[in-house]
Amino acid sequence: DALEAALQGVRVDAIVSCLASRSGAPADSEAVDYRANSHLLDWGRRHGADHFTLLSAICVQKPRLAFQYAKRRFEEELAASGMSHSVVRPNAFFKSLSGQLRRVRRGKPFLLFGDGELTRCKPIAEADLARYLRLTLEDATLRGLLPIGGPGPAITPLEQATLLARICDRPPRTRSVNPALLL
């Protein structure tokens, strides 16, 4: 009902959803990563949208956390909807590292899941990701699942921590967080 009221009278050709839960906790993930996107898809279909671009995440390939399962479930619903769609899965997003940068600048440790060697990624800049999202509306070949990353070799979070420490002229410090805390 709130979506209907907020978008009353809006003409739509396409939808770009960058919705994401704040905490990643199960209830928040269900409400935002799944249900809010599902409502948006339903609204778009009823109001004439012919394309839906979803900003997702590469980690939904092998979900382990609540937000990953919720995003994956919506991806599957979108694919089954029959609507033209693009699911953009950045393998890392520099904006998500900004909190880590602030921590390191203040002399606090870079937070790692596990030992920091579990994954590798090629972070993409916010502006580059935004351009790519726009291109999904302009280029009909950019449909389906679209993994994307930034330039250069893929690096581990531990390597990211080392790079940020060097840039901030700080000694490298890390703290391990158990990934099970987010389940």
C-alpha atoms as a PDB file:
ATOM      1  CA  ASP A   1       0.000   0.000   0.000  1.00  0.00           C
ATOM      2  CA  ALA A   2       2.841   2.403   0.845  1.00  0.00           C
ATOM      3  CA  LEU A   3       4.510   1.671  -2.497  1.00  0.00           C
ATOM      4  CA  GLU A   4       1.241   2.290  -4.367  1.00  0.00           C
ATOM      5  CA  ALA A   5       0.746   5.600  -2.543  1.00  0.00           C
ATOM      6  CA  ALA A   6       4.329   6.782  -3.069  1.00  0.00           C
ATOM      7  CA  LEU A   7       4.333   5.959  -6.783  1.00  0.00           C
ATOM      8  CA  GLN A   8       0.766   6.973  -7.608  1.00  0.00           C
ATOM      9  CA  GLY A   9       0.670   8.486 -11.084  1.00  0.00           C
ATOM     10  CA  VAL A  10       4.284   7.606 -11.893  1.00  0.00           C
ATOM     11  CA  ARG A  11       4.923   6.397 -15.453  1.00  0.00           C
ATOM     12  CA  VAL A  12       7.502   3.621 -15.616  1.00  0.00           C
ATOM     13  CA  ASP A  13       9.486   2.022 -18.433  1.00  0.00           C
ATOM     14  CA  ALA A  14      12.075   0.203 -16.346  1.00  0.00           C
ATOM     15  CA  ILE A  15      12.999  -0.362 -12.722  1.00  0.00           C
ATOM     16  CA  VAL A  16      16.492  -0.280 -11.239  1.00  0.00           C
ATOM     17  CA  SER A  17      16.542  -1.649  -7.702  1.00  0.00           C
ATOM     18  CA  CYS A  18      19.530  -1.096  -5.444  1.00  0.00           C
ATOM     19  CA  LEU A  19      17.589  -2.049  -2.324  1.00  0.00           C
ATOM     20  CA  ALA A  20      19.596  -3.820   0.359  1.00  0.00           C
ATOM     21  CA  SER A  21      18.982  -4.568   4.010  1.00  0.00           C
ATOM     22  CA  ARG A  22      21.003  -2.499   6.453  1.00  0.00           C
ATOM     23  CA  SER A  23      21.941  -5.215   8.887  1.00  0.00           C
ATOM     24  CA  GLY A  24      21.844  -8.414   6.864  1.00  0.00           C
ATOM     25  CA  ALA A  25      19.937  -9.979   9.773  1.00  0.00           C
ATOM     26  CA  PRO A  26      17.303 -12.559   8.808  1.00  0.00           C
ATOM     27  CA  ALA A  27      14.173 -10.421   9.406  1.00  0.00           C
ATOM     28  CA  ASP A  28      15.689  -7.342   7.753  1.00  0.00           C
ATOM     29  CA  SER A  29      16.894  -9.412   4.786  1.00  0.00           C
ATOM     30  CA  GLU A  30      13.488 -10.996   4.300  1.00  0.00           C
ATOM     31  CA  ALA A  31      11.739  -7.606   4.493  1.00  0.00           C
ATOM     32  CA  VAL A  32      14.079  -5.705   2.166  1.00  0.00           C
ATOM     33  CA  ASP A  33      16.212  -8.004   0.013  1.00  0.00           C
ATOM     34  CA  TYR A  34      13.270 -10.229  -0.809  1.00  0.00           C
ATOM     35  CA  ARG A  35       9.818  -8.757  -0.058  1.00  0.00           C
ATOM     36  CA  ALA A  36      10.485  -5.093  -0.954  1.00  0.00           C
ATOM     37  CA  ASN A  37      11.992  -6.145  -4.285  1.00  0.00           C
ATOM     38  CA  SER A  38       9.128  -8.566  -4.868  1.00  0.00           C
ATOM     39  CA  HIS A  39       6.574  -5.802  -4.252  1.00  0.00           C
ATOM     40  CA  LEU A  40       8.506  -3.500  -6.596  1.00  0.00           C
ATOM     41  CA  LEU A  41       8.503  -6.161  -9.320  1.00  0.00           C
ATOM     42  CA  ASP A  42       4.765  -6.700  -8.878  1.00  0.00           C
ATOM     43  CA  TRP A  43       4.134  -2.946  -9.007  1.00  0.00           C
ATOM     44  CA  GLY A  44       6.276  -2.618 -12.144  1.00  0.00           C
ATOM     45  CA  ARG A  45       4.438  -5.411 -13.940  1.00  0.00           C
ATOM     46  CA  ARG A  46       1.070  -3.859 -13.128  1.00  0.00           C
ATOM     47  CA  HIS A  47       2.228  -0.398 -14.286  1.00  0.00           C
ATOM     48  CA  GLY A  48       3.890  -1.286 -17.585  1.00  0.00           C
ATOM     49  CA  ALA A  49       7.588  -1.682 -16.776  1.00  0.00           C
ATOM     50  CA  ASP A  50       9.281  -3.760 -19.438  1.00  0.00           C
ATOM     51  CA  HIS A  51      12.668  -4.244 -17.751  1.00  0.00           C
ATOM     52  CA  PHE A  52      13.958  -4.749 -14.201  1.00  0.00           C
ATOM     53  CA  THR A  53      17.627  -4.251 -13.269  1.00  0.00           C
ATOM     54  CA  LEU A  54      18.619  -5.632  -9.869  1.00  0.00           C
ATOM     55  CA  LEU A  55      21.828  -4.734  -8.076  1.00  0.00           C
ATOM     56  CA  SER A  56      22.637  -8.004  -6.316  1.00  0.00           C
ATOM     57  CA  ALA A  57      25.944  -9.410  -5.034  1.00  0.00           C
ATOM     58  CA  ILE A  58      28.374 -12.066  -6.249  1.00  0.00           C
ATOM     59  CA  CYS A  59      28.115 -13.909  -2.922  1.00  0.00           C
ATOM     60  CA  VAL A  60      24.587 -15.137  -3.712  1.00  0.00           C
ATOM     61  CA  GLN A  61      26.183 -17.779  -5.958  1.00  0.00           C
ATOM     62  CA  LYS A  62      26.912 -19.829  -2.845  1.00  0.00           C
ATOM     63  CA  PRO A  63      24.633 -18.376  -0.171  1.00  0.00           C
ATOM     64  CA  ARG A  64      25.457 -18.873   3.485  1.00  0.00           C
ATOM     65  CA  LEU A  65      23.959 -15.792   5.133  1.00  0.00           C
ATOM     66  CA  ALA A  66      20.336 -14.645   5.428  1.00  0.00           C
ATOM     67  CA  PHE A  67      20.717 -11.668   3.084  1.00  0.00           C
ATOM     68  CA  GLN A  68      22.332 -13.897   0.439  1.00  0.00           C
ATOM     69  CA  TYR A  69      19.440 -16.365   0.554  1.00  0.00           C
ATOM     70  CA  ALA A  70      16.901 -13.512   0.376  1.00  0.00           C
ATOM     71  CA  LYS A  71      18.642 -11.891  -2.614  1.00  0.00           C
ATOM     72  CA  ARG A  72      18.944 -15.241  -4.355  1.00  0.00           C
ATOM     73  CA  ARG A  73      15.266 -16.003  -3.801  1.00  0.00           C
ATOM     74  CA  PHE A  74      14.294 -12.691  -5.378  1.00  0.00           C
ATOM     75  CA  GLU A  75      16.688 -13.282  -8.308  1.00  0.00           C
ATOM     76  CA  GLU A  76      14.867 -16.568  -8.945  1.00  0.00           C
ATOM     77  CA  GLU A  77      11.465 -14.860  -8.746  1.00  0.00           C
ATOM     78  CA  LEU A  78      12.632 -12.178 -11.177  1.00  0.00           C
ATOM     79  CA  ALA A  79      13.947 -14.778 -13.635  1.00  0.00           C
ATOM     80  CA  ALA A  80      10.635 -16.654 -13.476  1.00  0.00           C
ATOM     81  CA  SER A  81       8.575 -13.471 -13.918  1.00  0.00           C
ATOM     82  CA  GLY A  82       8.942 -13.370 -17.690  1.00  0.00           C
ATOM     83  CA  MET A  83      10.033  -9.720 -17.529  1.00  0.00           C
ATOM     84  CA  SER A  84      13.226  -8.690 -19.288  1.00  0.00           C
ATOM     85  CA  HIS A  85      15.820  -8.388 -16.539  1.00  0.00           C
ATOM     86  CA  SER A  86      19.448  -7.814 -15.661  1.00  0.00           C
ATOM     87  CA  VAL A  87      20.914  -9.063 -12.387  1.00  0.00           C
ATOM     88  CA  VAL A  88      24.173  -7.216 -11.762  1.00  0.00           C
ATOM     89  CA  ARG A  89      26.440  -9.036  -9.307  1.00  0.00           C
ATOM     90  CA  PRO A  90      29.444  -6.899  -8.388  1.00  0.00           C
ATOM     91  CA  ASN A  91      32.095  -9.022  -6.746  1.00  0.00           C
ATOM     92  CA  ALA A  92      32.960  -6.146  -4.415  1.00  0.00           C
ATOM     93  CA  PHE A  93      31.904  -2.555  -4.120  1.00  0.00           C
ATOM     94  CA  PHE A  94      34.399   0.111  -3.033  1.00  0.00           C
ATOM     95  CA  LYS A  95      31.616   1.986  -1.192  1.00  0.00           C
ATOM     96  CA  SER A  96      31.269  -0.999   1.147  1.00  0.00           C
ATOM     97  CA  LEU A  97      34.963  -0.624   2.004  1.00  0.00           C
ATOM     98  CA  SER A  98      34.577   3.023   3.083  1.00  0.00           C
ATOM     99  CA  GLY A  99      33.769   2.019   6.676  1.00  0.00           C
ATOM    100  CA  GLN A 100      36.939  -0.047   6.760  1.00  0.00           C
ATOM    101  CA  LEU A 101      38.927   2.951   5.485  1.00  0.00           C
ATOM    102  CA  ARG A 102      37.576   5.131   8.313  1.00  0.00           C
ATOM    103  CA  ARG A 103      38.496   2.430  10.844  1.00  0.00           C
ATOM    104  CA  VAL A 104      42.057   2.068   9.548  1.00  0.00           C
ATOM    105  CA  ARG A 105      42.555   5.862   9.426  1.00  0.00           C
ATOM    106  CA  ARG A 106      41.584   6.017  13.130  1.00  0.00           C
ATOM    107  CA  GLY A 107      44.125   3.295  13.929  1.00  0.00           C
ATOM    108  CA  LYS A 108      41.507   0.597  14.432  1.00  0.00           C
ATOM    109  CA  PRO A 109      41.875  -2.893  12.943  1.00  0.00           C
ATOM    110  CA  PHE A 110      40.482  -3.888   9.555  1.00  0.00           C
ATOM    111  CA  LEU A 111      37.668  -6.384  10.188  1.00  0.00           C
ATOM    112  CA  LEU A 112      38.010  -9.728   8.426  1.00  0.00           C
ATOM    113  CA  PHE A 113      35.659 -12.659   8.157  1.00  0.00           C
ATOM    114  CA  GLY A 114      37.637 -15.705   9.168  1.00  0.00           C
ATOM    115  CA  ASP A 115      41.300 -15.427   8.268  1.00  0.00           C
ATOM    116  CA  GLY A 116      40.777 -12.941   5.434  1.00  0.00           C
ATOM    117  CA  GLU A 117      41.859 -15.496   2.845  1.00  0.00           C
ATOM    118  CA  LEU A 118      38.480 -17.146   2.174  1.00  0.00           C
ATOM    119  CA  THR A 119      37.603 -15.026  -0.847  1.00  0.00           C
ATOM    120  CA  ARG A 120      39.138 -12.833  -3.538  1.00  0.00           C
ATOM    121  CA  CYS A 121      37.527  -9.955  -5.358  1.00  0.00           C
ATOM    122  CA  LYS A 122      38.061  -7.097  -7.778  1.00  0.00           C
ATOM    123  CA  PRO A 123      36.318  -4.112  -6.171  1.00  0.00           C
ATOM    124  CA  ILE A 124      34.497  -1.763  -8.532  1.00  0.00           C
ATOM    125  CA  ALA A 125      34.129   1.981  -7.999  1.00  0.00           C
ATOM    126  CA  GLU A 126      30.684   3.438  -7.299  1.00  0.00           C
ATOM    127  CA  ALA A 127      30.702   5.574 -10.474  1.00  0.00           C
ATOM    128  CA  ASP A 128      31.723   2.605 -12.664  1.00  0.00           C
ATOM    129  CA  LEU A 129      29.001   0.435 -11.157  1.00  0.00           C
ATOM    130  CA  ALA A 130      26.419   3.191 -11.688  1.00  0.00           C
ATOM    131  CA  ARG A 131      27.441   3.507 -15.361  1.00  0.00           C
ATOM    132  CA  TYR A 132      27.099  -0.244 -15.812  1.00  0.00           C
ATOM    133  CA  LEU A 133      23.639  -0.246 -14.210  1.00  0.00           C
ATOM    134  CA  ARG A 134      22.605   2.491 -16.646  1.00  0.00           C
ATOM    135  CA  LEU A 135      23.960   0.462 -19.552  1.00  0.00           C
ATOM    136  CA  THR A 136      21.622  -2.423 -18.647  1.00  0.00           C
ATOM    137  CA  LEU A 137      18.777  -0.086 -19.608  1.00  0.00           C
ATOM    138  CA  GLU A 138      20.378   0.903 -22.912  1.00  0.00           C
ATOM    139  CA  ASP A 139      21.995  -2.311 -24.171  1.00  0.00           C
ATOM    140  CA  ALA A 140      19.683  -5.264 -24.793  1.00  0.00           C
ATOM    141  CA  THR A 141      22.660  -7.656 -24.749  1.00  0.00           C
ATOM    142  CA  LEU A 142      23.133  -6.981 -21.020  1.00  0.00           C
ATOM    143  CA  ARG A 143      20.453  -9.365 -19.767  1.00  0.00           C
ATOM    144  CA  GLY A 144      20.418 -12.239 -17.278  1.00  0.00           C
ATOM    145  CA  LEU A 145      23.154 -12.724 -14.656  1.00  0.00           C
ATOM    146  CA  LEU A 146      25.960 -10.205 -15.047  1.00  0.00           C
ATOM    147  CA  PRO A 147      28.982 -10.584 -12.754  1.00  0.00           C
ATOM    148  CA  ILE A 148      31.192  -7.493 -12.755  1.00  0.00           C
ATOM    149  CA  GLY A 149      34.376  -6.380 -11.037  1.00  0.00           C
ATOM    150  CA  GLY A 150      36.943  -3.665 -11.205  1.00  0.00           C
ATOM    151  CA  PRO A 151      40.322  -3.684 -12.929  1.00  0.00           C
ATOM    152  CA  GLY A 152      43.413  -5.573 -11.857  1.00  0.00           C
ATOM    153  CA  PRO A 153      43.912  -8.886 -10.133  1.00  0.00           C
ATOM    154  CA  ALA A 154      41.461 -10.256  -7.575  1.00  0.00           C
ATOM    155  CA  ILE A 155      42.650  -9.644  -4.004  1.00  0.00           C
ATOM    156  CA  THR A 156      41.769 -11.101  -0.610  1.00  0.00           C
ATOM    157  CA  PRO A 157      40.351  -9.033   2.254  1.00  0.00           C
ATOM    158  CA  LEU A 158      43.693  -9.536   4.019  1.00  0.00           C
ATOM    159  CA  GLU A 159      45.431  -7.948   1.022  1.00  0.00           C
ATOM    160  CA  GLN A 160      42.870  -5.130   1.120  1.00  0.00           C
ATOM    161  CA  ALA A 161      43.727  -4.556   4.784  1.00  0.00           C
ATOM    162  CA  THR A 162      47.425  -4.352   3.951  1.00  0.00           C
ATOM    163  CA  LEU A 163      46.799  -1.889   1.103  1.00  0.00           C
ATOM    164  CA  LEU A 164      44.582   0.353   3.226  1.00  0.00           C
ATOM    165  CA  ALA A 165      47.121   0.370   6.045  1.00  0.00           C
ATOM    166  CA  ARG A 166      49.866   1.394   3.608  1.00  0.00           C
ATOM    167  CA  ILE A 167      47.691   4.143   2.079  1.00  0.00           C
ATOM    168  CA  CYS A 168      46.809   5.452   5.556  1.00  0.00           C
ATOM    169  CA  ASP A 169      50.428   5.207   6.731  1.00  0.00           C
ATOM    170  CA  ARG A 170      49.433   2.859   9.536  1.00  0.00           C
ATOM    171  CA  PRO A 171      50.796  -0.511  10.602  1.00  0.00           C
ATOM    172  CA  PRO A 172      48.570  -3.333   9.309  1.00  0.00           C
ATOM    173  CA  ARG A 173      46.132  -4.455  12.008  1.00  0.00           C
ATOM    174  CA  THR A 174      43.269  -6.889  11.565  1.00  0.00           C
ATOM    175  CA  ARG A 175      40.582  -8.451  13.716  1.00  0.00           C
ATOM    176  CA  SER A 176      38.876 -11.675  12.742  1.00  0.00           C
ATOM    177  CA  VAL A 177      35.097 -11.895  12.945  1.00  0.00           C
ATOM    178  CA  ASN A 178      33.365 -15.261  12.831  1.00  0.00           C
ATOM    179  CA  PRO A 179      31.100 -15.326   9.748  1.00  0.00           C
ATOM    180  CA  ALA A 180      28.582 -17.361  11.758  1.00  0.00           C
ATOM    181  CA  LEU A 181      27.674 -14.153  13.637  1.00  0.00           C
ATOM    182  CA  LEU A 182      25.663 -13.061  10.587  1.00  0.00           C
ATOM    183  CA  LEU A 183      23.660 -16.279  10.234  1.00  0.00           C
END
